[in-house]
Amino acid sequence: MPLPDDAVRPEPARHPVPDALAHLAGVWDVTRTVVDLGDGFEGRFVGTTVFSALPAPDEGGLLHHESGTFTWRGVARPAERTLRFLPGDEPGTARVEFADGRFFHGLDLRTGTHTVDHPCARDLYSGAFEVYDADRWRSRWRVGGPAKDLLLVTDYVRGPGSGGAGAR
């Protein structure tokens, strides 16, 4: 059942975030749904994302480490990924990089929402971020191109022991 192309558009701003890095710091419980729009298969990731301080020379940035279980076509497997969130060009924004330092996308949550595109080979990742309140946010990625036709929706809920909103 294909979803409309505007499925990644964020809802109206709910919770402006003056400093993305301060807001994201801590532990988040993660649930992600992955829908293959070509054949209708649906997968699910359940796990944890930890945003922890990066060591020098990247002081002020965060290491994003996600780990959990991804179930796809009835098979559950361990899954993880690592990203780097660095201070952006404007105060309160972030520069998101892959673990190897390649640029992924910018992130500006000052209005509570943000949209971005990331070309990857011949596919295009169109992302949207929505902040609902101090302890809940969502990312949506619509991936389209010759190799993929996916919708990924990830819900983040601040986990226990993360020290509350904006803890670092």
Protein backbone atom coordinates (compact mmCIF):
# COMPACT_ATOMS: atom_id res chain seq x y z
CA MET A 1 0.00 0.00 0.00
CA PRO A 2 2.01 3.02 -1.24
CA LEU A 3 2.06 6.13 0.90
CA PRO A 4 1.78 9.62 -0.60
CA ASP A 5 5.02 11.39 -1.58
CA ASP A 6 4.37 13.96 1.14
CA ALA A 7 4.60 11.26 3.84
CA VAL A 8 7.86 12.77 5.09
CA ARG A 9 6.49 16.28 5.54
CA PRO A 10 6.63 17.28 9.19
CA GLU A 11 3.57 18.27 11.13
CA PRO A 12 3.42 21.86 12.42
CA ALA A 13 6.09 22.81 14.94
CA ARG A 14 5.32 21.42 18.35
CA HIS A 15 8.37 22.10 20.47
CA PRO A 16 11.08 24.52 19.34
CA VAL A 17 14.57 23.43 20.40
CA PRO A 18 17.04 26.30 20.84
CA ASP A 19 20.07 23.96 20.97
CA ALA A 20 19.85 20.64 19.11
CA LEU A 21 22.93 19.10 20.72
CA ALA A 22 21.87 19.93 24.28
CA HIS A 23 18.39 18.57 23.55
CA LEU A 24 19.58 15.28 22.05
CA ALA A 25 22.18 14.45 24.72
CA GLY A 26 21.28 11.37 26.75
CA VAL A 27 19.59 8.02 26.23
CA TRP A 28 16.59 7.49 23.93
CA ASP A 29 14.39 4.42 23.44
CA VAL A 30 13.95 3.89 19.71
CA THR A 31 11.25 2.22 17.61
CA ARG A 32 11.59 2.29 13.82
CA THR A 33 9.21 1.00 11.18
CA VAL A 34 10.67 0.32 7.72
CA VAL A 35 8.19 -0.16 4.89
CA ASP A 36 9.30 -1.35 1.46
CA LEU A 37 6.85 0.58 -0.70
CA GLY A 38 7.63 -1.63 -3.69
CA ASP A 39 6.44 -4.92 -2.21
CA GLY A 40 4.68 -3.88 1.01
CA PHE A 41 7.02 -5.72 3.40
CA GLU A 42 7.39 -4.09 6.78
CA GLY A 43 10.28 -4.39 9.21
CA ARG A 44 10.82 -3.12 12.72
CA PHE A 45 13.82 -1.95 14.73
CA VAL A 46 13.63 -1.71 18.53
CA GLY A 47 16.58 -0.49 20.54
CA THR A 48 18.38 2.39 22.19
CA THR A 49 20.23 5.45 20.95
CA VAL A 50 22.82 7.04 23.21
CA PHE A 51 24.04 10.56 22.47
CA SER A 52 27.28 10.96 24.46
CA ALA A 53 29.98 13.64 24.44
CA LEU A 54 32.63 13.31 21.73
CA PRO A 55 36.24 13.44 22.92
CA ALA A 56 38.76 16.06 21.72
CA PRO A 57 39.19 17.38 19.09
CA ASP A 58 35.40 17.25 18.60
CA GLU A 59 34.48 18.72 21.97
CA GLY A 60 30.96 20.13 21.96
CA GLY A 61 29.74 17.38 19.66
CA LEU A 62 27.89 14.15 20.35
CA LEU A 63 28.49 10.54 19.39
CA HIS A 64 25.21 8.91 18.34
CA HIS A 65 25.30 5.15 18.89
CA GLU A 66 22.19 3.12 18.12
CA SER A 67 21.86 -0.57 18.93
CA GLY A 68 19.02 -3.03 19.04
CA THR A 69 17.21 -5.68 17.04
CA PHE A 70 15.96 -5.31 13.47
CA THR A 71 13.33 -7.76 12.27
CA TRP A 72 12.94 -8.00 8.50
CA ARG A 73 10.94 -10.64 6.63
CA GLY A 74 10.54 -12.64 9.83
CA VAL A 75 14.24 -12.72 10.71
CA ALA A 76 15.48 -10.83 13.79
CA ARG A 77 19.10 -9.68 13.79
CA PRO A 78 21.25 -7.40 15.95
CA ALA A 79 21.70 -3.98 14.35
CA GLU A 80 23.68 -0.87 15.17
CA ARG A 81 24.92 2.37 13.66
CA THR A 82 27.09 5.27 14.70
CA LEU A 83 26.85 8.92 13.67
CA ARG A 84 28.59 12.09 14.80
CA PHE A 85 26.63 15.24 15.65
CA LEU A 86 28.83 18.35 15.63
CA PRO A 87 27.99 22.02 16.22
CA GLY A 88 26.48 23.52 13.07
CA ASP A 89 27.33 26.77 11.33
CA GLU A 90 24.61 28.64 13.24
CA PRO A 91 24.15 28.56 17.04
CA GLY A 92 21.79 25.77 18.12
CA THR A 93 22.15 23.75 14.91
CA ALA A 94 24.08 20.55 14.23
CA ARG A 95 26.12 19.00 11.45
CA VAL A 96 25.44 15.27 11.19
CA GLU A 97 28.23 13.06 9.87
CA PHE A 98 28.66 9.35 9.29
CA ALA A 99 31.10 7.62 11.66
CA ASP A 100 33.90 8.04 9.09
CA GLY A 101 33.43 11.83 8.94
CA ARG A 102 31.49 12.07 5.66
CA PHE A 103 28.75 14.72 5.71
CA PHE A 104 25.20 13.35 6.09
CA HIS A 105 22.97 16.37 6.69
CA GLY A 106 22.41 19.52 8.71
CA LEU A 107 19.93 19.64 11.57
CA ASP A 108 18.08 22.75 12.73
CA LEU A 109 15.36 22.09 15.32
CA ARG A 110 14.93 25.73 16.42
CA THR A 111 11.37 25.75 15.01
CA GLY A 112 10.64 22.20 16.18
CA THR A 113 10.77 20.78 12.64
CA HIS A 114 13.39 20.35 9.95
CA THR A 115 13.50 18.85 6.45
CA VAL A 116 16.56 17.76 4.52
CA ASP A 117 17.62 15.81 1.42
CA HIS A 118 20.65 13.50 1.18
CA PRO A 119 21.65 12.02 -2.18
CA CYS A 120 23.15 8.55 -1.81
CA ALA A 121 24.45 7.01 -5.03
CA ARG A 122 21.40 7.08 -7.32
CA ASP A 123 18.84 7.19 -4.47
CA LEU A 124 17.54 10.24 -2.64
CA TYR A 125 16.88 10.26 1.10
CA SER A 126 14.32 12.94 2.02
CA GLY A 127 14.16 13.43 5.76
CA ALA A 128 11.88 15.25 8.17
CA PHE A 129 12.32 15.76 11.90
CA GLU A 130 9.55 16.68 14.35
CA VAL A 131 9.99 17.47 18.04
CA TYR A 132 6.82 16.83 20.04
CA ASP A 133 8.03 17.85 23.49
CA ALA A 134 11.18 17.70 25.63
CA ASP A 135 11.12 13.90 25.69
CA ARG A 136 9.70 12.79 22.29
CA TRP A 137 10.73 13.34 18.69
CA ARG A 138 10.45 11.59 15.33
CA SER A 139 12.44 11.27 12.14
CA ARG A 140 10.97 10.18 8.82
CA TRP A 141 13.03 9.22 5.79
CA ARG A 142 11.52 8.59 2.38
CA VAL A 143 14.09 6.79 0.24
CA GLY A 144 13.48 6.69 -3.48
CA GLY A 145 15.46 5.73 -6.53
CA PRO A 146 16.38 2.78 -8.68
CA ALA A 147 17.74 0.74 -5.76
CA LYS A 148 15.23 1.55 -3.00
CA ASP A 149 11.63 2.58 -2.37
CA LEU A 150 11.33 2.83 1.42
CA LEU A 151 9.70 4.77 4.22
CA LEU A 152 11.50 4.74 7.58
CA VAL A 153 9.71 6.26 10.58
CA THR A 154 11.64 6.40 13.85
CA ASP A 155 10.17 7.43 17.19
CA TYR A 156 12.48 8.50 20.01
CA VAL A 157 11.39 8.64 23.66
CA ARG A 158 13.81 9.84 26.30
CA GLY A 159 14.98 6.79 28.22
CA PRO A 160 15.25 6.28 31.96
CA GLY A 161 18.42 7.57 33.54
CA SER A 162 19.17 10.08 30.78
CA GLY A 163 19.00 12.97 33.21
CA GLY A 164 15.98 14.69 31.72
CA ALA A 165 15.63 16.99 28.74
CA GLY A 166 18.84 18.51 27.55
CA ALA A 167 21.07 16.64 29.97
CA ARG A 168 24.72 16.44 29.06
